[in-house]
Protein backbone atom coordinates (compact mmCIF):
# COMPACT_ATOMS: atom_id res chain seq x y z
CA UNK A 1 115.05 49.13 87.43
CA UNK A 2 117.91 51.48 86.53
CA UNK A 3 115.60 53.71 84.53
CA UNK A 4 113.19 53.95 87.48
CA UNK A 5 115.93 54.98 89.89
CA UNK A 6 116.99 57.84 87.59
CA UNK A 7 113.37 59.00 87.47
CA UNK A 8 113.17 58.82 91.25
CA UNK A 9 116.29 60.95 91.70
CA UNK A 10 114.89 63.59 89.34
CA UNK A 11 111.61 63.52 91.25
CA UNK A 12 113.43 64.12 94.53
CA UNK A 13 115.49 66.91 92.94
CA UNK A 14 112.29 68.63 91.80
CA UNK A 15 111.14 68.87 95.43
CA UNK A 16 114.44 69.94 96.89
CA UNK A 17 115.13 72.59 94.25
CA UNK A 18 111.79 74.28 94.96
CA UNK A 19 113.05 75.20 98.46
CA UNK A 20 116.23 77.28 98.14
CA UNK A 21 118.94 77.99 100.69
CA UNK A 22 117.75 81.63 100.73
CA UNK A 23 116.70 82.62 104.25
CA UNK A 24 113.33 84.25 104.84
CA UNK A 25 114.68 87.54 106.22
CA UNK A 26 116.59 88.13 102.95
CA UNK A 27 113.43 87.55 100.94
CA UNK A 28 111.50 89.92 103.24
CA UNK A 29 114.16 92.65 102.88
CA UNK A 30 114.01 92.28 99.09
CA UNK A 31 110.21 92.57 99.18
CA UNK A 32 110.37 95.68 101.40
CA UNK A 33 112.82 97.33 98.99
CA UNK A 34 110.17 97.27 96.24
CA UNK A 35 107.07 97.73 98.40
CA UNK A 36 105.53 101.12 97.62
CA UNK A 37 103.48 101.28 100.81
CA UNK A 38 106.62 100.72 102.91
CA UNK A 39 108.41 103.51 100.99
CA UNK A 40 105.48 105.89 101.56
CA UNK A 41 105.51 105.18 105.30
CA UNK A 42 109.25 105.90 105.52
CA UNK A 43 108.72 109.23 103.74
CA UNK A 44 105.95 110.05 106.21
CA UNK A 45 108.31 109.19 109.07
CA UNK A 46 110.96 111.52 107.64
CA UNK A 47 108.40 114.34 107.40
CA UNK A 48 107.24 113.71 110.99
CA UNK A 49 110.83 113.98 112.20
CA UNK A 50 111.24 117.22 110.25
CA UNK A 51 108.08 118.62 111.88
CA UNK A 52 109.66 118.12 115.30
CA UNK A 53 112.89 119.89 114.35
CA UNK A 54 113.22 123.59 115.31
CA UNK A 55 113.20 126.08 112.49
CA UNK A 56 116.62 127.19 111.26
CA UNK A 57 117.61 130.50 109.76
CA UNK A 58 114.86 131.84 107.52
CA UNK A 59 115.44 134.80 105.22
CA UNK A 60 112.68 136.41 103.15
CA UNK A 61 112.54 139.39 100.83
CA UNK A 62 109.26 141.03 100.00
CA UNK A 63 107.64 144.41 99.68
CA UNK A 64 105.58 146.55 101.99
CA UNK A 65 101.84 146.97 101.67
CA UNK A 66 100.22 149.83 99.76
CA UNK A 67 96.49 150.34 100.05
CA UNK A 68 94.92 147.06 98.88
CA UNK A 69 98.18 145.69 97.51
CA UNK A 70 100.22 143.32 99.73
CA UNK A 71 103.94 142.63 99.45
CA UNK A 72 104.46 145.21 96.71
CA UNK A 73 108.17 145.50 96.02
CA UNK A 74 107.64 148.14 93.33
CA UNK A 75 104.49 150.27 93.31
CA UNK A 76 103.67 152.75 90.53
CA UNK A 77 100.77 155.18 90.80
CA UNK A 78 99.47 157.81 88.32
CA UNK A 79 98.05 161.19 89.24
CA UNK A 80 94.85 161.83 87.24
CA UNK A 81 95.22 165.65 87.26
CA UNK A 82 98.84 166.01 86.19
CA UNK A 83 99.21 162.66 84.43
CA UNK A 84 102.44 162.27 86.41
CA UNK A 85 103.78 159.12 88.02
CA UNK A 86 105.28 158.28 91.38
CA UNK A 87 107.37 155.17 92.03
CA UNK A 88 107.92 153.44 95.38
CA UNK A 89 110.54 150.72 95.92
CA UNK A 90 110.06 149.04 99.32
CA UNK A 91 112.15 145.95 100.00
CA UNK A 92 111.59 144.25 103.40
CA UNK A 93 114.22 141.78 104.52
CA UNK A 94 112.93 139.33 107.13
CA UNK A 95 115.30 137.16 109.19
CA UNK A 96 113.97 134.70 111.78
CA UNK A 97 115.51 131.91 113.81
CA UNK A 98 114.04 129.10 115.90
CA UNK A 99 110.43 128.91 114.80
CA UNK A 100 107.38 130.90 115.74
CA UNK A 101 108.83 131.92 119.12
CA UNK A 102 112.41 132.47 118.00
CA UNK A 103 114.13 135.84 117.72
CA UNK A 104 113.10 137.62 114.55
CA UNK A 105 114.53 140.64 112.74
CA UNK A 106 112.78 142.72 110.12
CA UNK A 107 114.76 145.31 108.15
CA UNK A 108 112.83 147.62 105.81
CA UNK A 109 114.31 150.14 103.37
CA UNK A 110 111.42 151.87 101.56
CA UNK A 111 112.51 154.36 98.89
CA UNK A 112 109.93 156.51 97.12
CA UNK A 113 110.35 158.77 94.05
CA UNK A 114 107.65 161.24 93.09
CA UNK A 115 108.21 162.30 89.47
CA UNK A 116 105.42 164.87 89.73
CA UNK A 117 107.16 167.26 92.11
CA UNK A 118 110.61 165.71 91.73
CA UNK A 119 110.84 164.59 95.37
CA UNK A 120 111.97 161.43 97.13
CA UNK A 121 111.85 159.86 100.63
CA UNK A 122 113.94 157.12 102.22
CA UNK A 123 112.90 155.51 105.53
CA UNK A 124 115.16 152.64 106.67
CA UNK A 125 114.02 150.84 109.82
CA UNK A 126 114.58 147.73 111.92
CA UNK A 127 112.28 145.75 114.25
CA UNK A 128 113.45 143.03 116.66
CA UNK A 129 111.12 140.59 118.48
CA UNK A 130 112.50 138.44 121.32
CA UNK A 131 110.37 135.89 123.21
CA UNK A 132 110.79 135.73 126.98
CA UNK A 133 108.66 132.74 127.98
CA UNK A 134 106.53 130.33 126.02
CA UNK A 135 106.24 126.82 124.64
CA UNK A 136 108.18 125.64 121.54
CA UNK A 137 104.81 125.44 119.80
CA UNK A 138 101.62 127.42 120.12
CA UNK A 139 100.23 124.93 122.68
CA UNK A 140 101.08 121.78 124.60
CA UNK A 141 98.74 119.85 122.34
CA UNK A 142 100.48 120.84 119.11
CA UNK A 143 103.80 119.36 120.17
CA UNK A 144 102.25 116.14 121.58
CA UNK A 145 100.20 115.81 118.38
CA UNK A 146 103.41 115.82 116.34
CA UNK A 147 104.88 113.20 118.69
CA UNK A 148 101.72 111.13 118.27
CA UNK A 149 101.98 111.34 114.48
CA UNK A 150 105.62 110.23 114.59
CA UNK A 151 104.82 107.32 116.92
CA UNK A 152 101.91 106.29 114.72
CA UNK A 153 103.95 106.21 111.52
CA UNK A 154 106.79 104.31 113.26
CA UNK A 155 104.29 101.67 114.34
CA UNK A 156 102.84 101.55 110.83
CA UNK A 157 106.34 100.85 109.45
CA UNK A 158 106.85 97.92 111.85
CA UNK A 159 103.35 96.65 111.13
CA UNK A 160 103.84 96.92 107.37
CA UNK A 161 107.02 94.84 107.65
CA UNK A 162 105.13 92.18 109.62
CA UNK A 163 102.09 92.29 107.32
CA UNK A 164 104.27 91.88 104.23
CA UNK A 165 106.00 88.92 105.89
CA UNK A 166 102.59 87.36 106.55
CA UNK A 167 101.53 87.95 102.93
CA UNK A 168 104.67 86.18 101.69
CA UNK A 169 104.20 83.29 104.12
CA UNK A 170 100.56 82.89 103.05
CA UNK A 171 101.60 82.58 99.41
CA UNK A 172 104.42 80.14 100.25
CA UNK A 173 101.95 78.03 102.24
CA UNK A 174 99.51 78.08 99.31
CA UNK A 175 102.32 76.88 97.02
CA UNK A 176 103.17 74.03 99.41
CA UNK A 177 99.50 73.08 99.77
CA UNK A 178 99.11 72.90 95.97
CA UNK A 179 102.23 70.71 95.77
CA UNK A 180 100.68 68.42 98.37
CA UNK A 181 97.50 68.19 96.30
CA UNK A 182 99.58 67.40 93.22
CA UNK A 183 101.18 64.50 95.09
CA UNK A 184 97.74 63.07 95.88
CA UNK A 185 96.55 63.58 92.28
CA UNK A 186 99.71 61.97 90.85
CA UNK A 187 99.22 59.01 93.15
CA UNK A 188 95.61 58.65 92.00
CA UNK A 189 96.63 58.93 88.32
CA UNK A 190 99.29 56.20 88.75
CA UNK A 191 96.76 53.97 90.48
CA UNK A 192 94.13 54.48 87.76
CA UNK A 193 96.67 53.88 84.97
CA UNK A 194 97.71 50.66 86.70
CA UNK A 195 94.06 49.54 86.97
CA UNK A 196 93.41 50.34 83.30
CA UNK A 197 96.48 48.32 82.25
CA UNK A 198 95.21 45.36 84.26
CA UNK A 199 91.77 45.66 82.63
CA UNK A 200 93.40 45.79 79.19
CA UNK A 201 95.31 42.60 79.96
CA UNK A 202 92.21 40.77 81.20
CA UNK A 203 89.80 41.79 78.41
CA UNK A 204 89.82 43.25 74.94
CA UNK A 205 86.45 44.95 75.45
CA UNK A 206 87.27 48.67 75.80
CA UNK A 207 83.56 49.50 76.00
CA UNK A 208 83.02 47.66 79.25
CA UNK A 209 81.52 49.68 82.08
CA UNK A 210 84.52 49.10 84.34
CA UNK A 211 86.96 50.32 81.68
CA UNK A 212 84.90 53.41 80.88
CA UNK A 213 84.55 54.33 84.58
CA UNK A 214 88.30 54.05 85.14
CA UNK A 215 88.98 56.02 81.97
CA UNK A 216 86.55 58.72 83.09
CA UNK A 217 88.22 58.97 86.53
CA UNK A 218 91.65 59.15 84.90
CA UNK A 219 90.66 62.01 82.59
CA UNK A 220 89.06 63.79 85.52
CA UNK A 221 92.26 63.51 87.60
CA UNK A 222 94.41 64.66 84.66
CA UNK A 223 92.19 67.73 84.33
CA UNK A 224 92.47 68.37 88.09
CA UNK A 225 96.26 68.18 87.79
CA UNK A 226 96.16 70.67 84.92
CA UNK A 227 94.13 73.12 87.01
CA UNK A 228 96.45 72.69 89.99
CA UNK A 229 99.50 73.41 87.82
CA UNK A 230 97.77 76.59 86.56
CA UNK A 231 97.04 77.63 90.15
CA UNK A 232 100.67 76.93 91.07
CA UNK A 233 101.88 79.20 88.26
CA UNK A 234 99.57 82.00 89.44
CA UNK A 235 100.82 81.70 93.02
CA UNK A 236 104.45 81.69 91.89
CA UNK A 237 103.77 84.78 89.79
CA UNK A 238 102.21 86.51 92.82
CA UNK A 239 105.23 85.50 94.91
CA UNK A 240 107.68 86.92 92.38
CA UNK A 241 105.66 90.14 92.06
CA UNK A 242 105.76 90.55 95.83
CA UNK A 243 109.39 89.59 96.48
CA UNK A 244 111.18 90.16 93.16
CA UNK A 245 112.57 86.60 93.14
CA UNK A 246 111.50 83.11 92.04
CA UNK A 247 113.27 81.37 94.90
CA UNK A 248 111.17 80.02 97.75
CA UNK A 249 113.02 80.65 101.03
CA UNK A 250 114.01 77.99 103.49
CA UNK A 251 111.72 78.18 106.52
CA UNK A 252 113.71 77.78 109.72
CA UNK A 253 112.20 76.71 112.97
CA UNK A 254 111.57 79.80 115.08
CA UNK A 255 112.27 80.11 118.79
CA UNK A 256 111.02 83.32 120.36
CA UNK A 257 109.57 84.74 123.55
CA UNK A 258 106.00 85.88 123.85
CA UNK A 259 105.75 89.28 125.63
CA UNK A 260 104.17 89.09 129.08
CA UNK A 261 103.56 92.83 129.52
CA UNK A 262 100.26 93.87 127.95
CA UNK A 263 101.52 97.46 127.88
CA UNK A 264 103.87 96.42 125.05
CA UNK A 265 100.84 96.17 122.78
CA UNK A 266 101.08 98.66 119.92
CA UNK A 267 97.39 99.45 120.29
CA UNK A 268 97.93 100.33 123.95
CA UNK A 269 101.05 102.40 123.24
CA UNK A 270 99.20 104.43 120.63
CA UNK A 271 96.15 104.77 122.89
CA UNK A 272 98.41 105.94 125.73
CA UNK A 273 100.01 108.60 123.53
CA UNK A 274 96.53 109.68 122.38
CA UNK A 275 95.53 110.05 126.05
CA UNK A 276 98.59 112.25 126.56
CA UNK A 277 97.53 114.35 123.57
CA UNK A 278 93.95 114.63 124.89
CA UNK A 279 95.22 115.62 128.32
CA UNK A 280 97.36 118.32 126.67
CA UNK A 281 94.21 119.59 124.92
CA UNK A 282 92.48 119.75 128.29
CA UNK A 283 95.39 121.56 129.98
CA UNK A 284 95.55 124.09 127.11
CA UNK A 285 91.94 124.98 127.83
CA UNK A 286 92.11 124.97 131.65
CA UNK A 287 95.63 126.25 132.26
CA UNK A 288 97.11 127.74 129.09
CA UNK A 289 100.83 128.49 128.96
CA UNK A 290 101.47 132.24 128.75
CA UNK A 291 103.65 133.56 125.94
CA UNK A 292 105.42 136.89 126.35
CA UNK A 293 107.62 138.62 123.79
CA UNK A 294 109.30 142.03 123.64
CA UNK A 295 109.54 144.17 120.52
CA UNK A 296 111.84 147.04 119.78
CA UNK A 297 113.01 149.02 116.78
CA UNK A 298 113.73 152.33 115.18
CA UNK A 299 112.92 154.18 111.97
CA UNK A 300 114.62 157.20 110.35
CA UNK A 301 113.01 159.30 107.59
CA UNK A 302 115.03 161.16 104.93
CA UNK A 303 113.72 163.31 102.06
CA UNK A 304 114.93 165.99 99.63
CA UNK A 305 115.46 168.37 102.50
CA UNK A 306 117.55 165.81 104.39
CA UNK A 307 116.80 164.30 107.79
CA UNK A 308 113.16 164.69 108.80
CA UNK A 309 112.47 162.58 111.87
CA UNK A 310 113.49 159.51 113.87
CA UNK A 311 111.11 157.23 115.72
CA UNK A 312 112.00 154.69 118.42
CA UNK A 313 109.45 151.89 118.98
CA UNK A 314 109.13 149.39 121.85
CA UNK A 315 106.44 147.11 123.14
CA UNK A 316 105.39 143.80 124.61
CA UNK A 317 102.84 141.11 123.68
CA UNK A 318 101.12 138.66 126.00
CA UNK A 319 99.19 135.58 124.77
CA UNK A 320 97.14 133.50 127.20
CA UNK A 321 95.02 130.99 125.39
CA UNK A 322 92.68 132.89 123.11
CA UNK A 323 93.13 136.12 125.09
CA UNK A 324 95.78 138.70 124.16
CA UNK A 325 97.24 141.86 125.58
CA UNK A 326 99.78 144.27 124.09
CA UNK A 327 101.44 147.57 124.90
CA UNK A 328 103.57 149.75 122.62
CA UNK A 329 105.52 152.98 123.13
CA UNK A 330 106.64 155.28 120.29
CA UNK A 331 109.11 158.11 120.87
CA UNK A 332 109.63 160.72 118.14
CA UNK A 333 113.19 162.01 118.44
CA UNK A 334 112.57 165.16 116.38
CA UNK A 335 109.51 166.40 118.25
CA UNK A 336 110.40 164.78 121.59
CA UNK A 337 106.89 163.36 121.75
CA UNK A 338 105.88 160.09 123.35
CA UNK A 339 102.83 158.02 122.48
CA UNK A 340 101.50 154.83 123.97
CA UNK A 341 98.97 152.23 122.74
CA UNK A 342 97.38 149.44 124.75
CA UNK A 343 95.59 146.52 123.13
CA UNK A 344 93.43 143.99 124.92
CA UNK A 345 91.45 141.00 123.69
CA UNK A 346 89.72 138.87 126.34
CA UNK A 347 87.74 135.75 125.49
CA UNK A 348 85.57 134.44 128.33
CA UNK A 349 83.46 131.31 127.80
CA UNK A 350 80.66 131.55 130.35
CA UNK A 351 79.25 128.14 129.37
CA UNK A 352 82.62 126.38 129.96
CA UNK A 353 81.57 124.17 127.03
CA UNK A 354 85.04 123.74 125.54
CA UNK A 355 86.56 122.64 128.85
CA UNK A 356 83.76 120.14 129.52
CA UNK A 357 84.07 118.67 126.02
CA UNK A 358 87.83 118.23 126.42
CA UNK A 359 87.33 116.69 129.87
CA UNK A 360 84.90 114.15 128.42
CA UNK A 361 87.35 113.36 125.60
CA UNK A 362 90.09 112.78 128.17
CA UNK A 363 87.93 110.37 130.15
CA UNK A 364 87.01 108.55 126.94
CA UNK A 365 90.69 108.21 126.00
CA UNK A 366 91.53 106.75 129.44
CA UNK A 367 88.74 104.17 129.14
CA UNK A 368 90.01 103.16 125.71
CA UNK A 369 93.46 102.67 127.24
CA UNK A 370 91.97 100.21 129.73
CA UNK A 371 90.17 98.36 126.92
CA UNK A 372 93.44 98.00 125.00
CA UNK A 373 95.09 96.47 128.10
CA UNK A 374 92.29 93.90 128.35
CA UNK A 375 92.50 93.13 124.63
CA UNK A 376 96.29 92.75 124.78
CA UNK A 377 96.07 90.34 127.73
CA UNK A 378 93.69 88.10 125.76
CA UNK A 379 95.96 88.34 122.72
CA UNK A 380 98.94 87.15 124.81
CA UNK A 381 96.92 84.16 126.08
CA UNK A 382 95.94 83.21 122.51
CA UNK A 383 99.55 83.49 121.35
CA UNK A 384 100.75 81.21 124.13
CA UNK A 385 98.20 78.54 123.19
CA UNK A 386 99.06 78.76 119.49
CA UNK A 387 102.79 78.68 120.20
CA UNK A 388 102.45 75.43 122.16
CA UNK A 389 100.17 73.95 119.50
CA UNK A 390 102.52 74.84 116.61
CA UNK A 391 105.52 73.56 118.54
CA UNK A 392 103.81 70.19 118.96
CA UNK A 393 102.78 70.21 115.27
CA UNK A 394 106.44 70.65 114.27
CA UNK A 395 107.52 67.73 116.46
CA UNK A 396 104.78 65.47 115.10
CA UNK A 397 105.62 66.46 111.52
CA UNK A 398 109.33 65.80 112.11
CA UNK A 399 108.55 62.39 113.63
CA UNK A 400 106.26 61.54 110.71
CA UNK A 401 109.04 62.43 108.26
CA UNK A 402 111.45 60.07 110.03
CA UNK A 403 108.87 57.25 109.94
CA UNK A 404 108.14 57.90 106.25
CA UNK A 405 111.84 57.62 105.39
CA UNK A 406 112.13 54.36 107.32
CA UNK A 407 109.04 53.05 105.54
CA UNK A 408 110.56 54.00 102.20
CA UNK A 409 113.74 52.05 102.97
CA UNK A 410 111.68 48.93 103.71
CA UNK A 411 109.53 49.27 100.58
CA UNK A 412 112.56 49.96 98.39
CA UNK A 413 114.33 46.86 99.81
CA UNK A 414 111.23 44.80 99.12
CA UNK A 415 111.10 46.20 95.57
CA UNK A 416 114.69 45.14 94.91
CA UNK A 417 113.73 41.61 96.03
CA UNK A 418 110.67 41.66 93.79
CA UNK A 419 108.25 41.73 96.73
CA UNK A 420 106.94 45.24 96.01
CA UNK A 421 105.87 47.04 92.85
CA UNK A 422 107.26 50.18 91.30
CA UNK A 423 104.00 51.89 92.21
CA UNK A 424 104.52 50.97 95.88
CA UNK A 425 107.94 52.63 95.84
CA UNK A 426 106.59 55.78 94.15
CA UNK A 427 103.76 56.02 96.67
CA UNK A 428 106.21 55.57 99.53
CA UNK A 429 108.36 58.36 98.11
CA UNK A 430 105.30 60.57 97.87
CA UNK A 431 104.65 59.98 101.56
CA UNK A 432 108.15 61.34 102.29
CA UNK A 433 107.47 64.40 100.14
CA UNK A 434 104.09 64.91 101.81
CA UNK A 435 105.72 64.64 105.25
CA UNK A 436 108.33 67.19 104.14
CA UNK A 437 105.57 69.56 103.05
CA UNK A 438 103.72 69.05 106.35
CA UNK A 439 106.90 69.96 108.25
CA UNK A 440 107.38 73.11 106.15
CA UNK A 441 103.74 74.12 106.73
CA UNK A 442 104.13 73.59 110.48
CA UNK A 443 107.21 75.83 110.46
CA UNK A 444 105.34 78.45 108.39
CA UNK A 445 102.57 78.50 111.00
CA UNK A 446 105.15 79.11 113.74
CA UNK A 447 106.92 81.85 111.75
CA UNK A 448 103.56 83.46 110.96
CA UNK A 449 102.77 83.56 114.68
CA UNK A 450 106.11 85.31 115.28
CA UNK A 451 105.28 88.04 112.73
CA UNK A 452 101.76 88.39 114.13
CA UNK A 453 103.34 89.12 117.51
CA UNK A 454 105.79 91.57 115.87
CA UNK A 455 102.81 93.27 114.24
CA UNK A 456 100.89 93.60 117.52
CA UNK A 457 103.60 94.09 120.16
CA UNK A 458 106.68 96.22 120.65
CA UNK A 459 109.56 93.69 120.71
CA UNK A 460 112.39 96.16 120.21
CA UNK A 461 113.14 99.86 120.50
CA UNK A 462 112.11 101.93 117.49
């Protein structure tokens, strides 16, 4: 009897040690720290935030253009008749601030040496462009699109956290289910071994049909146990690969509120932002925001003979959708001459096709919003039903565990009086373990529901 009790204590310890005191959120955080998909999403979020930031100070150094050569800092040409060379050094320093519509400066200092006739020219100049009105981006849609991308990746991060939690919980539940199956197989093996021992005591004929059938069933159950243990090892390996730890977390009972507002659905939130983007597309086509900027600058030309001429430049640009207009004035200080240039580019769509297409897209986006509301309302109803069902399952499992422990006390007392067998006590203990597993599974179902809601609904600011 003493030997049996030691075995029983070790058996109980094997169950209890498989569930650690580690809480689930710690395991989830550890899994997220090694999850590559989660890391990728956070990098995408960082890039989306950077896209929304205004441009800072940008300085560039390049060369001017010569014939078919762009950005030529140093340009060397050879004269075929005299076999002489001329060299041009033309640095252009560009300074801009605040993005595409921010103030920009361009300072150029072209210096040219002609070795053929031993001459040089130097023409420093500066151009300033200052926007007067306009949008921070080239259109309403561009900015809303960046907001949409940021919102989308934020939702993906929350969803990935929830999906990873569900993956972990699925594996933990599989491990518990296999342990439950092992309990049933062990019980069957003990029963068959007991039957075989009784047959051996009643007859010496090991070739009897009854003996061979029991022996066959025993070997079959032993093989089943072997396969279950292999499956358990695979699941534990998957769990460790996912979380970085061997410890199975303790599953606490979860109490949480189910969102009542269907507009908290992630699918609706994203659809609503997409509608905003589509409406911005439509407004860009129907009522584009005008962009106006002023330009001004000056240029002075020096050569071997000294000062040659000075030119003052000014102008304005207007952008309205795909149509443009520009005006520029050049005043030559040396010759006191004034010149003016007017540019105009008008794009008129007589079919109005682009506007109609964008209007249809906007209507489609609004209808999809309504569908997401309907889908979210049904999702909330399903969650409420499941929550009540899982809550009842936990209570039933807890009550069954209490009854199993009481039953074990009675069987153990009967065993000590010789009124119950060792097998009866082991089977009673297995019922306690099975009830424990059922309670853990019921709690896993409830926790899984919580993460399903976190995956589908906005429960907190992000």
